[in-house]
């Protein structure tokens, strides 16, 4: 499908030689604030450890970005995030920003080194990728910030004992409750109603106490088509549209190729999936999407839309750079409906 189109000025953010973000910058959270697009991007400075930190970039128009900090604005400091902080998603809660992120419990670099992984993927882009174990579990963490420069940790949103990534909050409460999409890797099998890692919902009155459901009660979407047959996970925070909650998500096939899909959820009952794309909206095509740190990846993590303007979708390309794709909202909703 061509409804989601690459920005001709891509990539919009790249690594800088001899800087703290010299290896890769990718998978950013972004939000529109006072006429600017604020981007909290994931960065790696050392392949040997491969520990991620967050940097801040700013844009006046959503297309051209400048760094807004000399170094990282948020780094791993807690035991459960010693392996890095990854893949921020940003929403608002009153005057504050809320940031969900993946807290990685084990330093990835030595595991990749033992497998000779980075060299292997250059020779074979579809090489088997490390999973859980030996990488150790990830958890969904929550930060609160007044400015995306200073942060207060709000704890973990992950159920105890789970490897759980892609925790993404809805941008507003639904029925008086916070709503979160998440992807627990081990909730697979007949008990959970899915054969592969899937997208689930959870609900909370206060961001502390969460209702994760029992069995498959809050299962939102599971892998269906071949292009997403390996696993699916949430992308940006859902976008509220007149037709419903627009969910942009990623799907991974049997060859570890990451693609982009979309779904539409009911505004009042987000467990109701009203529509879903049969074919991917985007797949790796550009050289910088097919070749990088991890090959064959387009990974959406942020979406910005104002009525009357085009939808902006920011994504990581091959775990090395930030790309931008755009769509006309009416056209995208028409594709879904």
Protein backbone atom coordinates (compact mmCIF):
# COMPACT_ATOMS: atom_id res chain seq x y z
CA UNK A 1 0.00 0.00 0.00
CA UNK A 2 1.20 3.53 -0.70
CA UNK A 3 -1.05 5.32 1.82
CA UNK A 4 1.95 5.72 4.18
CA UNK A 5 4.65 7.57 2.24
CA UNK A 6 8.28 8.16 3.13
CA UNK A 7 9.40 11.76 3.63
CA UNK A 8 11.77 12.75 0.83
CA UNK A 9 14.22 14.25 3.35
CA UNK A 10 14.76 10.97 5.23
CA UNK A 11 16.39 10.06 7.52
CA UNK A 12 15.38 12.92 9.80
CA UNK A 13 17.90 12.01 12.53
CA UNK A 14 21.21 10.17 12.15
CA UNK A 15 24.16 9.25 14.41
CA UNK A 16 26.94 11.81 14.85
CA UNK A 17 30.59 10.81 14.62
CA UNK A 18 32.61 11.38 17.79
CA UNK A 19 29.48 12.16 19.83
CA UNK A 20 27.67 10.31 22.61
CA UNK A 21 25.12 9.09 20.02
CA UNK A 22 27.65 7.96 17.42
CA UNK A 23 26.47 4.39 16.78
CA UNK A 24 22.71 4.74 16.34
CA UNK A 25 19.70 6.98 16.97
CA UNK A 26 16.31 5.32 16.49
CA UNK A 27 12.85 4.32 17.81
CA UNK A 28 11.90 7.78 19.13
CA UNK A 29 8.98 8.95 21.18
CA UNK A 30 7.58 12.27 19.96
CA UNK A 31 4.83 14.69 20.94
CA UNK A 32 3.52 18.06 19.79
CA UNK A 33 3.98 20.72 22.47
CA UNK A 34 3.50 24.48 22.11
CA UNK A 35 3.95 24.33 18.35
CA UNK A 36 7.10 22.21 18.46
CA UNK A 37 7.66 18.51 17.99
CA UNK A 38 9.70 17.17 20.91
CA UNK A 39 11.51 13.91 20.21
CA UNK A 40 12.96 11.60 22.86
CA UNK A 41 15.19 9.33 20.81
CA UNK A 42 17.02 6.14 21.72
CA UNK A 43 20.78 6.28 21.20
CA UNK A 44 23.70 3.86 21.42
CA UNK A 45 27.34 4.95 21.69
CA UNK A 46 29.17 1.62 22.06
CA UNK A 47 28.47 -1.62 20.20
CA UNK A 48 30.52 -3.51 22.79
CA UNK A 49 27.93 -2.86 25.50
CA UNK A 50 24.97 -1.80 23.34
CA UNK A 51 23.31 0.05 26.23
CA UNK A 52 20.71 2.59 25.13
CA UNK A 53 20.06 6.07 26.54
CA UNK A 54 17.62 8.84 25.64
CA UNK A 55 18.47 12.09 23.89
CA UNK A 56 16.26 15.07 23.08
CA UNK A 57 15.69 16.65 19.66
CA UNK A 58 13.30 19.45 18.66
CA UNK A 59 11.58 20.49 15.44
CA UNK A 60 9.62 23.59 14.52
CA UNK A 61 7.81 21.87 11.65
CA UNK A 62 7.98 18.12 12.37
CA UNK A 63 10.30 17.46 9.42
CA UNK A 64 13.66 19.00 10.35
CA UNK A 65 15.19 18.24 13.76
CA UNK A 66 17.97 19.70 15.85
CA UNK A 67 19.53 18.23 18.99
CA UNK A 68 18.30 20.00 22.11
CA UNK A 69 20.84 18.52 24.52
CA UNK A 70 24.61 18.05 24.50
CA UNK A 71 24.36 14.58 26.01
CA UNK A 72 21.80 12.05 27.14
CA UNK A 73 18.82 13.43 29.07
CA UNK A 74 18.01 10.06 30.66
CA UNK A 75 20.29 7.11 31.38
CA UNK A 76 19.91 3.71 33.06
CA UNK A 77 20.23 4.11 36.82
CA UNK A 78 18.17 1.27 38.33
CA UNK A 79 18.96 -2.41 38.63
CA UNK A 80 16.19 -3.50 36.31
CA UNK A 81 17.41 -1.18 33.53
CA UNK A 82 21.15 -1.89 33.70
CA UNK A 83 20.97 -3.14 30.11
CA UNK A 84 19.51 0.09 28.81
CA UNK A 85 16.38 2.20 28.41
CA UNK A 86 14.70 1.73 25.05
CA UNK A 87 11.85 2.79 22.77
CA UNK A 88 10.17 5.70 24.57
CA UNK A 89 6.52 6.53 23.91
CA UNK A 90 5.16 9.87 25.10
CA UNK A 91 1.72 11.03 26.22
CA UNK A 92 0.45 13.82 28.52
CA UNK A 93 -1.09 13.76 31.98
CA UNK A 94 -2.15 17.27 32.93
CA UNK A 95 0.91 19.49 32.72
CA UNK A 96 3.34 16.56 32.76
CA UNK A 97 4.66 14.25 30.08
CA UNK A 98 4.30 10.51 30.70
CA UNK A 99 6.94 8.30 29.12
CA UNK A 100 6.69 4.55 28.87
CA UNK A 101 9.84 2.67 27.92
CA UNK A 102 11.46 -0.76 27.87
CA UNK A 103 13.79 -1.30 30.84
CA UNK A 104 16.34 -3.95 29.86
CA UNK A 105 17.63 -6.08 32.72
CA UNK A 106 20.82 -7.49 31.14
CA UNK A 107 23.59 -5.72 29.19
CA UNK A 108 23.00 -6.81 25.57
CA UNK A 109 26.49 -6.30 24.12
CA UNK A 110 28.25 -9.37 25.59
CA UNK A 111 25.36 -11.62 24.51
CA UNK A 112 25.56 -10.29 20.97
CA UNK A 113 29.36 -10.67 21.06
CA UNK A 114 29.13 -14.32 22.14
CA UNK A 115 26.92 -14.97 19.13
CA UNK A 116 29.06 -12.80 16.83
CA UNK A 117 25.66 -11.36 16.04
CA UNK A 118 26.42 -8.06 14.34
CA UNK A 119 28.92 -9.64 11.95
CA UNK A 120 26.55 -12.55 11.34
CA UNK A 121 23.65 -10.31 10.35
CA UNK A 122 25.84 -8.46 7.85
CA UNK A 123 26.44 -11.79 6.14
CA UNK A 124 22.91 -13.16 6.69
CA UNK A 125 20.20 -10.53 7.26
CA UNK A 126 17.74 -13.24 8.31
CA UNK A 127 20.00 -14.78 10.97
CA UNK A 128 18.29 -16.08 14.10
CA UNK A 129 18.08 -13.36 16.74
CA UNK A 130 18.65 -13.69 20.47
CA UNK A 131 15.51 -13.85 22.54
CA UNK A 132 14.52 -14.52 26.13
CA UNK A 133 16.76 -16.11 27.35
CA UNK A 134 19.68 -15.34 26.97
CA UNK A 135 18.94 -11.60 26.79
CA UNK A 136 17.08 -11.48 30.09
CA UNK A 137 13.59 -10.01 30.55
CA UNK A 138 12.54 -6.48 29.69
CA UNK A 139 9.97 -4.54 31.68
CA UNK A 140 7.70 -1.61 30.87
CA UNK A 141 8.75 1.37 32.97
CA UNK A 142 7.03 4.73 33.48
CA UNK A 143 8.60 8.17 33.82
CA UNK A 144 6.98 11.52 34.58
CA UNK A 145 8.59 14.73 33.35
CA UNK A 146 7.72 18.44 33.20
CA UNK A 147 10.05 19.15 30.27
CA UNK A 148 11.59 15.92 28.85
CA UNK A 149 14.88 16.95 30.43
CA UNK A 150 14.27 15.96 34.04
CA UNK A 151 12.46 12.77 35.00
CA UNK A 152 10.88 11.12 38.00
CA UNK A 153 10.59 7.33 37.92
CA UNK A 154 7.04 6.13 38.55
CA UNK A 155 7.88 2.43 38.79
CA UNK A 156 7.11 -0.52 36.53
CA UNK A 157 3.84 -1.15 34.72
CA UNK A 158 4.77 -4.75 33.94
CA UNK A 159 3.12 -7.69 35.68
CA UNK A 160 5.63 -9.40 38.02
CA UNK A 161 7.81 -12.04 36.38
CA UNK A 162 6.91 -11.19 32.78
CA UNK A 163 9.08 -10.25 29.86
CA UNK A 164 6.92 -7.38 28.63
CA UNK A 165 7.76 -4.80 25.94
CA UNK A 166 5.95 -2.20 23.87
CA UNK A 167 3.99 -0.80 26.80
CA UNK A 168 2.13 2.18 25.35
CA UNK A 169 -0.41 4.42 27.10
CA UNK A 170 -3.47 5.83 25.38
CA UNK A 171 -3.27 9.66 25.19
CA UNK A 172 -6.34 10.08 27.41
CA UNK A 173 -8.42 8.08 29.84
CA UNK A 174 -11.21 5.90 28.48
CA UNK A 175 -14.20 5.42 30.76
CA UNK A 176 -12.30 7.08 33.59
CA UNK A 177 -9.34 4.70 33.41
CA UNK A 178 -5.85 4.80 31.97
CA UNK A 179 -5.42 2.26 29.18
CA UNK A 180 -2.17 0.58 28.14
CA UNK A 181 -1.23 -1.67 25.25
CA UNK A 182 1.56 -4.15 26.02
CA UNK A 183 3.16 -7.31 24.64
CA UNK A 184 3.97 -10.05 27.21
CA UNK A 185 6.11 -12.59 25.37
CA UNK A 186 5.06 -15.61 27.43
CA UNK A 187 1.28 -15.13 27.15
CA UNK A 188 1.09 -17.70 24.38
CA UNK A 189 -0.85 -20.96 24.13
CA UNK A 190 -4.40 -22.24 24.48
CA UNK A 191 -4.81 -20.59 27.87
CA UNK A 192 -4.23 -17.20 26.25
CA UNK A 193 -5.96 -17.75 22.93
CA UNK A 194 -2.94 -17.01 20.74
CA UNK A 195 -0.05 -18.91 19.18
CA UNK A 196 2.32 -15.95 19.11
CA UNK A 197 3.26 -12.85 21.14
CA UNK A 198 0.33 -10.46 20.82
CA UNK A 199 -0.99 -7.03 21.80
CA UNK A 200 -2.99 -6.88 25.03
CA UNK A 201 -4.76 -4.12 26.94
CA UNK A 202 -4.54 -3.30 30.63
CA UNK A 203 -6.56 -0.78 32.67
CA UNK A 204 -5.75 1.34 35.72
CA UNK A 205 -7.44 4.02 37.83
CA UNK A 206 -4.14 5.56 38.96
CA UNK A 207 -1.15 4.22 36.93
CA UNK A 208 -0.20 2.10 39.96
CA UNK A 209 -2.83 -0.64 40.24
CA UNK A 210 -3.43 -2.46 36.96
CA UNK A 211 -6.08 -4.88 35.76
CA UNK A 212 -4.38 -7.17 33.23
CA UNK A 213 -7.36 -9.47 32.83
CA UNK A 214 -7.41 -13.24 33.13
CA UNK A 215 -6.71 -15.70 30.36
CA UNK A 216 -7.47 -14.01 27.03
CA UNK A 217 -9.97 -11.49 28.40
CA UNK A 218 -7.95 -8.43 27.35
CA UNK A 219 -6.33 -9.87 24.24
CA UNK A 220 -6.58 -7.09 21.66
CA UNK A 221 -4.88 -8.43 18.51
CA UNK A 222 -2.82 -11.50 17.68
CA UNK A 223 -0.62 -12.34 14.69
CA UNK A 224 -2.70 -13.31 11.68
CA UNK A 225 -1.11 -12.71 8.27
CA UNK A 226 2.25 -14.15 7.23
CA UNK A 227 3.94 -10.73 7.33
CA UNK A 228 3.21 -10.51 11.08
CA UNK A 229 3.22 -14.22 11.85
CA UNK A 230 6.16 -14.15 14.29
CA UNK A 231 4.85 -11.51 16.68
CA UNK A 232 3.14 -8.15 16.79
CA UNK A 233 3.58 -5.19 19.12
CA UNK A 234 2.28 -1.68 19.68
CA UNK A 235 3.81 1.28 17.89
CA UNK A 236 2.94 4.90 18.79
CA UNK A 237 0.30 5.87 21.33
CA UNK A 238 -3.09 5.55 19.62
CA UNK A 239 -4.32 8.59 17.72
CA UNK A 240 -7.88 9.73 18.44
CA UNK A 241 -9.81 10.26 15.19
CA UNK A 242 -13.54 10.80 14.54
CA UNK A 243 -13.72 7.19 13.33
CA UNK A 244 -11.97 5.61 16.33
CA UNK A 245 -8.57 5.06 17.90
CA UNK A 246 -5.98 4.67 15.15
CA UNK A 247 -3.40 2.09 16.23
CA UNK A 248 -0.20 1.81 14.21
CA UNK A 249 1.70 -1.34 15.11
CA UNK A 250 4.63 -3.48 14.00
CA UNK A 251 4.55 -7.06 12.80
CA UNK A 252 7.48 -9.46 12.47
CA UNK A 253 7.58 -12.40 10.07
CA UNK A 254 9.42 -15.72 10.25
CA UNK A 255 12.53 -14.11 8.71
CA UNK A 256 12.65 -11.33 11.35
CA UNK A 257 11.52 -8.63 8.90
CA UNK A 258 9.68 -5.79 10.68
CA UNK A 259 6.74 -4.17 8.89
CA UNK A 260 4.03 -1.64 9.78
CA UNK A 261 0.29 -2.27 10.07
CA UNK A 262 -2.72 -0.34 11.36
CA UNK A 263 -5.99 -1.00 13.14
CA UNK A 264 -8.99 1.02 14.30
CA UNK A 265 -10.49 0.61 17.79
CA UNK A 266 -13.83 1.77 19.14
CA UNK A 267 -13.50 5.07 21.01
CA UNK A 268 -15.60 3.95 23.98
CA UNK A 269 -14.54 0.31 24.08
CA UNK A 270 -10.95 -0.02 22.87
CA UNK A 271 -11.14 -3.82 23.14
CA UNK A 272 -13.35 -3.72 20.03
CA UNK A 273 -11.22 -3.88 16.87
CA UNK A 274 -13.36 -2.35 14.13
CA UNK A 275 -10.86 -2.67 11.28
CA UNK A 276 -7.34 -3.88 10.58
CA UNK A 277 -5.05 -3.82 7.55
CA UNK A 278 -4.60 -7.12 5.73
CA UNK A 279 -1.36 -6.00 4.09
CA UNK A 280 1.47 -3.96 5.63
CA UNK A 281 1.45 -0.20 5.22
CA UNK A 282 5.24 -0.18 5.03
CA UNK A 283 8.13 -2.63 4.83
CA UNK A 284 11.92 -2.20 4.61
CA UNK A 285 12.79 -0.88 1.15
CA UNK A 286 15.38 1.87 1.50
CA UNK A 287 19.04 0.93 2.01
CA UNK A 288 19.01 2.47 5.48
CA UNK A 289 15.97 0.36 6.44
CA UNK A 290 17.47 -2.86 5.11
CA UNK A 291 21.08 -2.41 6.28
CA UNK A 292 22.16 -1.02 9.65
CA UNK A 293 22.72 -2.38 13.14
CA UNK A 294 19.77 -4.79 12.89
CA UNK A 295 18.72 -5.36 9.24
CA UNK A 296 15.26 -5.22 7.71
CA UNK A 297 13.51 -3.11 10.33
CA UNK A 298 10.91 -0.34 10.14
CA UNK A 299 9.72 0.16 13.70
CA UNK A 300 7.07 2.90 14.33
CA UNK A 301 7.09 4.54 17.77
CA UNK A 302 5.53 8.02 17.42
CA UNK A 303 2.62 9.57 15.53
CA UNK A 304 1.50 13.19 15.46
CA UNK A 305 -1.70 14.48 13.90
CA UNK A 306 -3.65 17.73 13.91
CA UNK A 307 -6.95 17.89 12.06
CA UNK A 308 -6.43 19.42 8.63
CA UNK A 309 -2.78 18.36 8.49
CA UNK A 310 -1.07 15.16 7.45
CA UNK A 311 -0.26 12.39 9.89
CA UNK A 312 3.43 12.19 10.80
CA UNK A 313 4.77 8.75 11.76
CA UNK A 314 8.32 8.48 13.12
CA UNK A 315 10.09 5.14 13.01
CA UNK A 316 13.44 3.46 13.48
CA UNK A 317 15.24 2.25 10.36
CA UNK A 318 17.44 -0.85 10.80
CA UNK A 319 18.05 0.19 14.44
CA UNK A 320 20.35 2.98 13.27
CA UNK A 321 18.43 6.09 12.10
CA UNK A 322 15.06 7.84 12.48
CA UNK A 323 12.75 7.93 9.49
CA UNK A 324 9.50 9.80 8.86
CA UNK A 325 6.47 8.62 6.90
CA UNK A 326 3.34 10.68 6.24
CA UNK A 327 -0.28 9.96 5.37
CA UNK A 328 -3.49 11.83 4.74
CA UNK A 329 -5.78 10.79 7.57
CA UNK A 330 -8.90 10.50 5.40
CA UNK A 331 -7.02 8.26 2.99
CA UNK A 332 -5.65 6.05 5.77
CA UNK A 333 -9.05 5.70 7.46
CA UNK A 334 -10.60 4.96 4.10
CA UNK A 335 -8.06 2.20 3.59
CA UNK A 336 -9.04 0.69 6.94
CA UNK A 337 -12.80 1.11 6.56
